[in-house]
């Protein structure tokens, strides 16, 4: 009876651990590569996970906001994917660098030439956008994800603050405030890009050094543990012999 109870308790504990360690539901999201300051430019990544075990993602359609149109939208070429940029007429022309813009990008579509995003993988789709609006704190990009089995998942539900996340949330880009000196971030600033690259290299080197230090410490502690363990075993053997002799 005790053995059965212990086995049942162990099984229940195992199921609990599995439930707690199950991965969170993933969805199409958007994140900036660095700051996304109001009035400036930014490079953003649309991250697309493949959530099906029996199909791959072969198409992604991202609709750009029409209430805050972006005058400049430039996708980065991705091997294995065909990119189509759709423009539409604006009800109210935009002014950019002293020029009036009468149309803007309203949709970008990526279509896989081959298998696309297979099960267990994700893909990032980078896009340079600007100028970012100054009269809102976020931009909503409604997206459609198409699988190889023709299934279409519509990530179009707008999350509401203070409420639970919807089942199919739309990607939302949070905008930061412009710097106090009035300068805005620009993805086309080569000096800024070079500085970012240098910082990234420095961070990578620091991480590498930290990792090496951690590995060295782990090895030392491991050797100490082995020595202490061996000493304990030897002591136990000697103590046993003394009791036997006595």
Protein backbone atom coordinates (compact mmCIF):
# COMPACT_ATOMS: atom_id res chain seq x y z
CA UNK A 1 0.00 0.00 0.00
CA UNK A 2 2.78 2.41 0.94
CA UNK A 3 4.60 1.63 -2.30
CA UNK A 4 1.43 2.32 -4.32
CA UNK A 5 0.87 5.62 -2.57
CA UNK A 6 4.46 6.67 -3.15
CA UNK A 7 4.19 5.73 -6.85
CA UNK A 8 0.91 7.67 -7.20
CA UNK A 9 2.41 10.71 -5.50
CA UNK A 10 5.44 10.53 -7.74
CA UNK A 11 3.28 10.35 -10.87
CA UNK A 12 1.21 13.34 -9.74
CA UNK A 13 4.35 15.33 -9.03
CA UNK A 14 5.71 14.46 -12.46
CA UNK A 15 2.54 15.64 -14.18
CA UNK A 16 2.66 18.88 -12.20
CA UNK A 17 6.25 19.52 -13.27
CA UNK A 18 5.33 18.86 -16.90
CA UNK A 19 2.39 21.25 -16.68
CA UNK A 20 4.50 23.99 -15.11
CA UNK A 21 7.33 23.53 -17.61
CA UNK A 22 5.09 23.51 -20.71
CA UNK A 23 6.07 26.32 -23.11
CA UNK A 24 3.87 29.40 -23.29
CA UNK A 25 1.64 29.82 -26.31
CA UNK A 26 3.73 31.57 -28.96
CA UNK A 27 2.43 34.02 -31.53
CA UNK A 28 3.59 36.45 -34.20
CA UNK A 29 5.23 39.44 -32.51
CA UNK A 30 7.23 42.58 -33.38
CA UNK A 31 10.29 43.91 -31.59
CA UNK A 32 12.64 46.79 -32.45
CA UNK A 33 16.37 46.32 -32.95
CA UNK A 34 17.26 49.07 -30.51
CA UNK A 35 15.12 52.10 -29.64
CA UNK A 36 11.90 52.88 -31.51
CA UNK A 37 11.65 56.57 -30.67
CA UNK A 38 8.77 58.76 -31.71
CA UNK A 39 9.59 60.88 -34.73
CA UNK A 40 12.55 58.71 -35.68
CA UNK A 41 13.40 55.57 -37.63
CA UNK A 42 13.79 51.99 -36.45
CA UNK A 43 14.48 48.49 -37.69
CA UNK A 44 11.86 46.09 -36.38
CA UNK A 45 11.73 42.29 -36.51
CA UNK A 46 8.50 40.39 -37.05
CA UNK A 47 9.13 37.10 -35.23
CA UNK A 48 7.12 34.17 -36.56
CA UNK A 49 7.19 30.80 -34.74
CA UNK A 50 5.89 27.65 -36.43
CA UNK A 51 3.24 26.20 -34.10
CA UNK A 52 2.26 23.12 -36.09
CA UNK A 53 3.92 19.71 -35.97
CA UNK A 54 2.53 18.57 -39.32
CA UNK A 55 2.90 21.75 -41.43
CA UNK A 56 5.35 24.56 -42.13
CA UNK A 57 4.75 28.31 -42.38
CA UNK A 58 4.90 29.33 -46.03
CA UNK A 59 3.49 32.85 -45.99
CA UNK A 60 3.31 35.92 -43.76
CA UNK A 61 1.18 39.01 -44.45
CA UNK A 62 1.69 42.07 -42.24
CA UNK A 63 -0.77 44.94 -42.52
CA UNK A 64 0.67 48.33 -41.63
CA UNK A 65 -1.40 50.85 -39.66
CA UNK A 66 -3.50 53.21 -41.75
CA UNK A 67 -4.32 55.53 -38.84
CA UNK A 68 -0.60 56.28 -38.51
CA UNK A 69 0.86 55.59 -41.97
CA UNK A 70 4.61 55.23 -42.39
CA UNK A 71 6.22 57.05 -45.30
CA UNK A 72 9.29 54.79 -45.39
CA UNK A 73 9.04 50.98 -45.23
CA UNK A 74 11.98 48.89 -46.49
CA UNK A 75 12.07 45.11 -45.88
CA UNK A 76 15.41 43.36 -45.65
CA UNK A 77 15.94 40.62 -48.27
CA UNK A 78 15.72 37.10 -46.79
CA UNK A 79 17.09 34.05 -48.63
CA UNK A 80 14.30 31.64 -49.52
CA UNK A 81 11.54 34.24 -49.31
CA UNK A 82 9.86 36.40 -51.95
CA UNK A 83 8.82 39.85 -50.70
CA UNK A 84 5.93 41.92 -52.03
CA UNK A 85 5.31 45.49 -50.86
CA UNK A 86 1.81 46.92 -51.31
CA UNK A 87 1.21 50.69 -51.36
CA UNK A 88 -2.09 52.56 -51.12
CA UNK A 89 -3.27 56.14 -51.56
CA UNK A 90 -3.49 58.18 -48.38
CA UNK A 91 -6.61 60.11 -47.46
CA UNK A 92 -4.34 62.79 -45.99
CA UNK A 93 -0.87 63.26 -47.54
CA UNK A 94 2.16 63.08 -45.25
CA UNK A 95 5.02 65.56 -45.19
CA UNK A 96 8.51 64.06 -45.04
CA UNK A 97 11.76 66.04 -45.41
CA UNK A 98 9.81 68.92 -46.93
CA UNK A 99 8.05 66.72 -49.47
CA UNK A 100 4.42 65.61 -49.52
CA UNK A 101 3.82 61.84 -49.62
CA UNK A 102 0.48 60.84 -51.16
CA UNK A 103 0.83 57.06 -50.72
CA UNK A 104 2.31 54.72 -48.12
CA UNK A 105 2.98 51.02 -47.60
CA UNK A 106 -0.11 49.28 -46.23
CA UNK A 107 1.05 45.66 -46.45
CA UNK A 108 4.19 43.56 -46.77
CA UNK A 109 3.92 39.90 -47.82
CA UNK A 110 6.62 37.26 -47.48
CA UNK A 111 6.13 34.02 -49.46
CA UNK A 112 8.48 31.05 -49.09
CA UNK A 113 10.23 29.71 -52.18
CA UNK A 114 10.76 26.36 -50.48
CA UNK A 115 9.61 24.71 -47.27
CA UNK A 116 9.42 27.93 -45.25
CA UNK A 117 9.50 27.77 -41.45
CA UNK A 118 9.43 24.13 -40.41
CA UNK A 119 8.13 22.65 -37.16
CA UNK A 120 10.24 23.56 -34.16
CA UNK A 121 11.72 26.70 -35.75
CA UNK A 122 11.01 30.42 -36.03
CA UNK A 123 11.96 33.14 -38.51
CA UNK A 124 12.60 36.88 -38.15
CA UNK A 125 11.49 39.29 -40.88
CA UNK A 126 13.35 42.62 -40.50
CA UNK A 127 11.88 45.88 -41.80
CA UNK A 128 13.20 49.46 -41.62
CA UNK A 129 10.35 51.89 -40.87
CA UNK A 130 9.92 55.62 -40.32
CA UNK A 131 9.26 58.20 -39.52
CA UNK A 132 7.53 56.92 -36.40
CA UNK A 133 4.47 58.94 -35.33
CA UNK A 134 4.72 61.32 -32.38
CA UNK A 135 1.04 61.31 -31.42
CA UNK A 136 0.72 57.68 -30.28
CA UNK A 137 2.51 55.29 -27.91
CA UNK A 138 2.18 52.18 -30.04
CA UNK A 139 1.60 50.82 -33.53
CA UNK A 140 -0.54 47.77 -34.25
CA UNK A 141 0.38 45.46 -37.13
CA UNK A 142 -2.29 42.88 -37.94
CA UNK A 143 -0.76 39.72 -39.41
CA UNK A 144 -1.88 36.59 -41.25
CA UNK A 145 0.18 33.40 -41.00
CA UNK A 146 -0.38 30.73 -43.68
CA UNK A 147 0.70 27.10 -43.31
CA UNK A 148 1.59 24.55 -45.98
CA UNK A 149 -1.72 22.76 -45.32
CA UNK A 150 -3.58 25.98 -46.31
CA UNK A 151 -4.50 26.82 -42.70
CA UNK A 152 -4.52 30.58 -42.03
CA UNK A 153 -4.07 31.98 -38.52
CA UNK A 154 -5.23 35.58 -38.17
CA UNK A 155 -3.21 37.52 -35.60
CA UNK A 156 -5.52 40.52 -35.62
CA UNK A 157 -6.98 40.92 -32.12
CA UNK A 158 -5.80 44.16 -30.51
CA UNK A 159 -4.64 43.64 -26.89
CA UNK A 160 -6.32 45.89 -24.34
CA UNK A 161 -4.51 47.19 -21.27
CA UNK A 162 -5.84 45.75 -18.04
CA UNK A 163 -7.43 42.78 -19.81
CA UNK A 164 -6.25 39.25 -20.55
CA UNK A 165 -4.32 38.72 -23.75
CA UNK A 166 -6.61 37.59 -26.60
CA UNK A 167 -6.20 34.20 -28.25
CA UNK A 168 -4.81 35.69 -31.46
CA UNK A 169 -3.14 38.99 -30.48
CA UNK A 170 -1.89 41.34 -33.18
CA UNK A 171 1.79 42.35 -33.06
CA UNK A 172 2.15 45.65 -31.18
CA UNK A 173 5.20 47.91 -31.37
CA UNK A 174 5.71 50.07 -28.28
CA UNK A 175 7.21 53.50 -29.04
CA UNK A 176 9.63 55.29 -26.75
CA UNK A 177 9.78 59.03 -26.16
CA UNK A 178 12.08 61.13 -28.31
CA UNK A 179 15.35 62.14 -26.67
CA UNK A 180 15.41 65.44 -24.77
CA UNK A 181 17.86 67.03 -27.23
CA UNK A 182 15.33 66.54 -30.01
CA UNK A 183 17.37 63.98 -31.96
CA UNK A 184 15.65 60.87 -33.19
CA UNK A 185 17.06 57.43 -33.89
CA UNK A 186 17.85 56.64 -37.53
CA UNK A 187 18.50 53.19 -38.95
CA UNK A 188 20.41 54.85 -41.79
CA UNK A 189 23.00 56.50 -39.54
CA UNK A 190 26.21 54.65 -40.36
CA UNK A 191 28.09 56.07 -37.37
CA UNK A 192 25.35 54.91 -35.05
CA UNK A 193 25.30 51.47 -36.65
CA UNK A 194 29.10 51.19 -36.31
CA UNK A 195 28.92 52.22 -32.65
CA UNK A 196 26.18 49.67 -32.03
CA UNK A 197 28.28 46.99 -33.70
CA UNK A 198 31.26 47.91 -31.50
CA UNK A 199 29.11 47.80 -28.39
CA UNK A 200 27.72 44.43 -29.45
CA UNK A 201 31.27 43.10 -29.96
CA UNK A 202 32.31 44.41 -26.55
CA UNK A 203 29.27 42.83 -24.92
CA UNK A 204 29.98 39.54 -26.68
CA UNK A 205 33.59 39.62 -25.49
CA UNK A 206 32.46 40.42 -21.96
CA UNK A 207 29.95 37.60 -22.03
CA UNK A 208 32.63 35.26 -23.33
CA UNK A 209 35.04 36.30 -20.57
CA UNK A 210 32.32 35.89 -17.97
CA UNK A 211 31.46 32.47 -19.35
CA UNK A 212 35.14 31.41 -19.25
CA UNK A 213 35.41 32.60 -15.66
CA UNK A 214 32.28 30.69 -14.71
CA UNK A 215 33.58 27.52 -16.37
CA UNK A 216 36.91 27.81 -14.51
CA UNK A 217 35.15 28.30 -11.19
CA UNK A 218 32.91 25.31 -11.90
CA UNK A 219 35.93 23.12 -12.68
CA UNK A 220 37.73 24.17 -9.48
CA UNK A 221 34.64 23.49 -7.36
CA UNK A 222 34.23 20.15 -9.10
CA UNK A 223 37.80 19.09 -8.26
CA UNK A 224 37.36 20.24 -4.66
CA UNK A 225 34.16 18.24 -4.44
CA UNK A 226 35.85 15.12 -5.72
CA UNK A 227 38.72 15.49 -3.23
CA UNK A 228 36.34 16.05 -0.31
CA UNK A 229 34.22 13.09 -1.41
CA UNK A 230 37.26 10.82 -1.65
CA UNK A 231 38.42 11.91 1.79
CA UNK A 232 34.99 11.12 3.20
CA UNK A 233 35.00 7.64 1.67
CA UNK A 234 38.48 6.94 3.03
CA UNK A 235 37.44 8.10 6.49
CA UNK A 236 34.38 5.84 6.37
CA UNK A 237 36.49 2.82 5.40
CA UNK A 238 39.01 3.45 8.19
CA UNK A 239 36.25 3.93 10.72
CA UNK A 240 34.66 0.65 9.68
CA UNK A 241 37.94 -1.22 10.05
CA UNK A 242 38.47 0.19 13.56
CA UNK A 243 35.02 -0.99 14.63
CA UNK A 244 35.71 -4.46 13.21
CA UNK A 245 39.11 -4.70 14.98
CA UNK A 246 37.48 -3.57 18.21
